[in-house]
């Protein structure tokens, strides 16, 4: 996906999630979230991240420690 500028990543998570970015052509993933967000019962969080203009891969890692669970991520452009 082509990204440029500062994006906001809003999350609602039960139990935890991590969001990563990787420029196209790179082999290195960088965490957008500083730590696994979330907790049993659901937690909201908001993270901002500045992208240089270019193509990026975005990966969302979600873990559920006990049923039920969910992960919702909203990406808000600049």
N, C-alpha and C. Protein backbone atom coordinates (compact mmCIF):
# COMPACT_ATOMS: atom_id res chain seq x y z
N UNK A 1 0.84 -1.15 0.00
CA UNK A 1 0.00 0.00 0.00
C UNK A 1 0.90 1.23 0.00
N UNK A 2 0.50 2.28 -0.73
CA UNK A 2 1.28 3.51 -0.78
C UNK A 2 0.90 4.37 0.43
N UNK A 3 1.90 4.79 1.21
CA UNK A 3 1.66 5.60 2.40
C UNK A 3 2.59 6.80 2.38
N UNK A 4 2.10 7.91 2.91
CA UNK A 4 2.90 9.13 3.02
C UNK A 4 2.29 10.00 4.11
N UNK A 5 3.08 10.40 5.09
CA UNK A 5 2.59 11.25 6.17
C UNK A 5 2.35 10.47 7.44
N UNK A 6 1.71 11.13 8.40
CA UNK A 6 1.45 10.52 9.71
C UNK A 6 0.06 9.90 9.75
N UNK A 7 0.03 8.61 10.01
CA UNK A 7 -1.22 7.85 10.09
C UNK A 7 -1.52 7.54 11.54
N UNK A 8 -2.81 7.37 11.85
CA UNK A 8 -3.25 6.95 13.18
C UNK A 8 -3.81 5.54 13.07
N UNK A 9 -3.40 4.70 13.99
CA UNK A 9 -3.88 3.32 14.07
C UNK A 9 -4.68 3.18 15.36
N UNK A 10 -6.00 3.07 15.22
CA UNK A 10 -6.89 2.89 16.38
C UNK A 10 -7.18 1.41 16.52
N UNK A 11 -7.08 0.91 17.75
CA UNK A 11 -7.32 -0.52 17.97
C UNK A 11 -8.34 -0.75 19.08
N UNK A 12 -9.09 -1.82 18.93
CA UNK A 12 -9.89 -2.38 20.01
C UNK A 12 -9.54 -3.86 20.05
N UNK A 13 -8.99 -4.30 21.16
CA UNK A 13 -8.39 -5.63 21.20
C UNK A 13 -8.78 -6.38 22.47
N UNK A 14 -9.02 -7.66 22.31
CA UNK A 14 -9.19 -8.61 23.40
C UNK A 14 -8.51 -9.88 22.92
N UNK A 15 -7.33 -10.13 23.16
CA UNK A 15 -6.45 -9.86 24.26
C UNK A 15 -5.24 -8.98 23.89
N UNK A 16 -4.51 -9.24 22.80
CA UNK A 16 -3.39 -8.38 22.47
C UNK A 16 -3.12 -8.35 20.98
N UNK A 17 -2.53 -7.24 20.52
CA UNK A 17 -2.18 -7.11 19.11
C UNK A 17 -0.91 -6.30 18.95
N UNK A 18 -0.19 -6.57 17.88
CA UNK A 18 0.97 -5.78 17.48
C UNK A 18 0.78 -5.42 16.01
N UNK A 19 1.21 -4.22 15.62
CA UNK A 19 1.13 -3.78 14.23
C UNK A 19 2.55 -3.47 13.77
N UNK A 20 2.91 -3.98 12.60
CA UNK A 20 4.25 -3.79 12.04
C UNK A 20 4.17 -3.18 10.65
N UNK A 21 5.25 -2.47 10.27
CA UNK A 21 5.38 -1.96 8.90
C UNK A 21 6.72 -2.38 8.33
N UNK A 22 6.74 -2.53 7.00
CA UNK A 22 7.97 -2.88 6.30
C UNK A 22 7.93 -2.22 4.93
N UNK A 23 8.92 -1.37 4.61
CA UNK A 23 8.95 -0.81 3.26
C UNK A 23 9.10 -1.94 2.23
N UNK A 24 8.45 -1.78 1.09
CA UNK A 24 8.57 -2.77 0.03
C UNK A 24 10.04 -2.89 -0.37
N UNK A 25 10.50 -4.11 -0.55
CA UNK A 25 11.88 -4.37 -0.91
C UNK A 25 12.80 -4.54 0.29
N UNK A 26 12.30 -4.22 1.48
CA UNK A 26 13.09 -4.37 2.70
C UNK A 26 12.81 -5.74 3.31
N UNK A 27 13.73 -6.21 4.12
CA UNK A 27 13.50 -7.46 4.84
C UNK A 27 13.26 -7.22 6.33
N UNK A 28 13.22 -5.95 6.74
CA UNK A 28 13.11 -5.59 8.15
C UNK A 28 11.72 -5.07 8.48
N UNK A 29 11.08 -5.70 9.47
CA UNK A 29 9.79 -5.24 10.00
C UNK A 29 10.05 -4.33 11.20
N UNK A 30 9.27 -3.25 11.31
CA UNK A 30 9.37 -2.31 12.44
C UNK A 30 8.02 -2.25 13.13
N UNK A 31 8.02 -2.31 14.46
CA UNK A 31 6.77 -2.27 15.22
C UNK A 31 6.21 -0.85 15.26
N UNK A 32 4.92 -0.72 14.96
CA UNK A 32 4.21 0.55 15.10
C UNK A 32 3.68 0.67 16.52
N UNK A 33 3.32 -0.45 17.11
CA UNK A 33 2.82 -0.47 18.49
C UNK A 33 4.00 -0.72 19.42
N UNK A 34 4.14 0.07 20.49
CA UNK A 34 5.31 -0.07 21.36
C UNK A 34 5.33 -1.35 22.19
N UNK A 35 4.18 -1.96 22.41
CA UNK A 35 4.10 -3.20 23.19
C UNK A 35 2.78 -3.88 22.83
N UNK A 36 2.61 -5.13 23.20
CA UNK A 36 1.32 -5.78 22.90
C UNK A 36 0.18 -5.07 23.62
N UNK A 37 -0.65 -4.40 22.85
CA UNK A 37 -1.79 -3.70 23.46
C UNK A 37 -2.90 -4.67 23.75
N UNK A 38 -3.73 -4.31 24.68
CA UNK A 38 -4.91 -5.11 24.96
C UNK A 38 -4.86 -5.79 26.31
N UNK A 39 -6.00 -6.34 26.67
CA UNK A 39 -6.16 -7.06 27.93
C UNK A 39 -7.46 -7.85 27.84
N UNK A 40 -7.62 -8.87 28.67
CA UNK A 40 -8.89 -9.57 28.68
C UNK A 40 -10.05 -8.61 28.91
N UNK A 41 -11.10 -8.76 28.13
CA UNK A 41 -12.27 -7.90 28.27
C UNK A 41 -12.30 -6.76 27.28
N UNK A 42 -11.22 -6.49 26.58
CA UNK A 42 -11.20 -5.46 25.55
C UNK A 42 -10.56 -4.16 25.99
N UNK A 43 -9.68 -3.65 25.15
CA UNK A 43 -8.97 -2.41 25.43
C UNK A 43 -8.87 -1.61 24.14
N UNK A 44 -9.04 -0.29 24.23
CA UNK A 44 -8.84 0.58 23.08
C UNK A 44 -7.50 1.29 23.22
N UNK A 45 -6.88 1.58 22.09
CA UNK A 45 -5.61 2.31 22.07
C UNK A 45 -5.49 3.03 20.74
N UNK A 46 -4.65 4.04 20.71
CA UNK A 46 -4.41 4.80 19.49
C UNK A 46 -2.90 5.03 19.36
N UNK A 47 -2.37 4.79 18.17
CA UNK A 47 -0.95 4.95 17.90
C UNK A 47 -0.79 5.80 16.64
N UNK A 48 0.20 6.69 16.62
CA UNK A 48 0.51 7.43 15.40
C UNK A 48 1.87 6.99 14.89
N UNK A 49 2.01 7.05 13.57
CA UNK A 49 3.27 6.62 12.95
C UNK A 49 3.48 7.43 11.68
N UNK A 50 4.68 8.00 11.53
CA UNK A 50 5.01 8.82 10.36
C UNK A 50 5.71 7.96 9.31
N UNK A 51 5.16 7.96 8.10
CA UNK A 51 5.73 7.23 6.98
C UNK A 51 6.36 8.19 5.98
N UNK A 52 7.56 7.86 5.50
CA UNK A 52 8.11 8.54 4.34
C UNK A 52 7.31 8.06 3.13
N UNK A 53 7.22 8.85 2.08
CA UNK A 53 6.46 8.45 0.90
C UNK A 53 7.01 7.16 0.31
N UNK A 54 6.13 6.19 0.08
CA UNK A 54 6.57 4.93 -0.53
C UNK A 54 5.57 3.81 -0.34
N UNK A 55 5.95 2.64 -0.83
CA UNK A 55 5.12 1.44 -0.71
C UNK A 55 5.52 0.68 0.54
N UNK A 56 4.51 0.23 1.31
CA UNK A 56 4.74 -0.46 2.57
C UNK A 56 3.87 -1.70 2.66
N UNK A 57 4.35 -2.67 3.42
CA UNK A 57 3.56 -3.81 3.86
C UNK A 57 3.17 -3.54 5.31
N UNK A 58 1.93 -3.85 5.66
CA UNK A 58 1.44 -3.71 7.04
C UNK A 58 1.03 -5.11 7.51
N UNK A 59 1.49 -5.48 8.71
CA UNK A 59 1.12 -6.78 9.29
C UNK A 59 0.52 -6.55 10.66
N UNK A 60 -0.54 -7.29 10.95
CA UNK A 60 -1.21 -7.20 12.24
C UNK A 60 -1.16 -8.58 12.89
N UNK A 61 -0.53 -8.64 14.05
CA UNK A 61 -0.39 -9.89 14.81
C UNK A 61 -1.35 -9.83 15.99
N UNK A 62 -2.21 -10.83 16.10
CA UNK A 62 -3.22 -10.85 17.16
C UNK A 62 -3.10 -12.14 17.96
N UNK A 63 -3.23 -12.04 19.27
CA UNK A 63 -3.20 -13.21 20.15
C UNK A 63 -4.42 -13.20 21.05
N UNK A 64 -5.03 -14.35 21.21
CA UNK A 64 -6.18 -14.50 22.10
C UNK A 64 -5.80 -15.51 23.18
N UNK A 65 -5.70 -15.05 24.41
CA UNK A 65 -5.27 -15.91 25.51
C UNK A 65 -6.39 -16.78 26.06
N UNK A 66 -7.63 -16.36 25.87
CA UNK A 66 -8.77 -17.17 26.29
C UNK A 66 -9.99 -16.71 25.51
N UNK A 67 -10.93 -17.59 25.26
CA UNK A 67 -12.10 -17.26 24.45
C UNK A 67 -13.08 -16.43 25.25
N UNK A 68 -13.90 -15.61 24.64
CA UNK A 68 -13.83 -15.18 23.25
C UNK A 68 -12.81 -14.05 23.09
N UNK A 69 -12.57 -13.62 21.86
CA UNK A 69 -11.60 -12.55 21.62
C UNK A 69 -11.85 -11.89 20.27
N UNK A 70 -11.24 -10.73 20.09
CA UNK A 70 -11.35 -10.03 18.82
C UNK A 70 -10.24 -9.01 18.69
N UNK A 71 -9.99 -8.59 17.45
CA UNK A 71 -9.04 -7.53 17.17
C UNK A 71 -9.60 -6.68 16.05
N UNK A 72 -9.80 -5.41 16.31
CA UNK A 72 -10.27 -4.47 15.29
C UNK A 72 -9.25 -3.35 15.17
N UNK A 73 -8.82 -3.07 13.94
CA UNK A 73 -7.83 -2.02 13.70
C UNK A 73 -8.38 -1.07 12.64
N UNK A 74 -8.36 0.21 12.95
CA UNK A 74 -8.78 1.25 12.01
C UNK A 74 -7.53 2.07 11.65
N UNK A 75 -7.27 2.21 10.34
CA UNK A 75 -6.13 3.00 9.87
C UNK A 75 -6.67 4.32 9.33
N UNK A 76 -6.27 5.44 9.96
CA UNK A 76 -6.76 6.76 9.61
C UNK A 76 -5.64 7.53 8.90
N UNK A 77 -5.85 7.91 7.64
CA UNK A 77 -4.81 8.64 6.91
C UNK A 77 -4.68 10.09 7.41
N UNK A 78 -3.56 10.74 7.01
CA UNK A 78 -3.37 12.14 7.43
C UNK A 78 -4.43 13.05 6.84
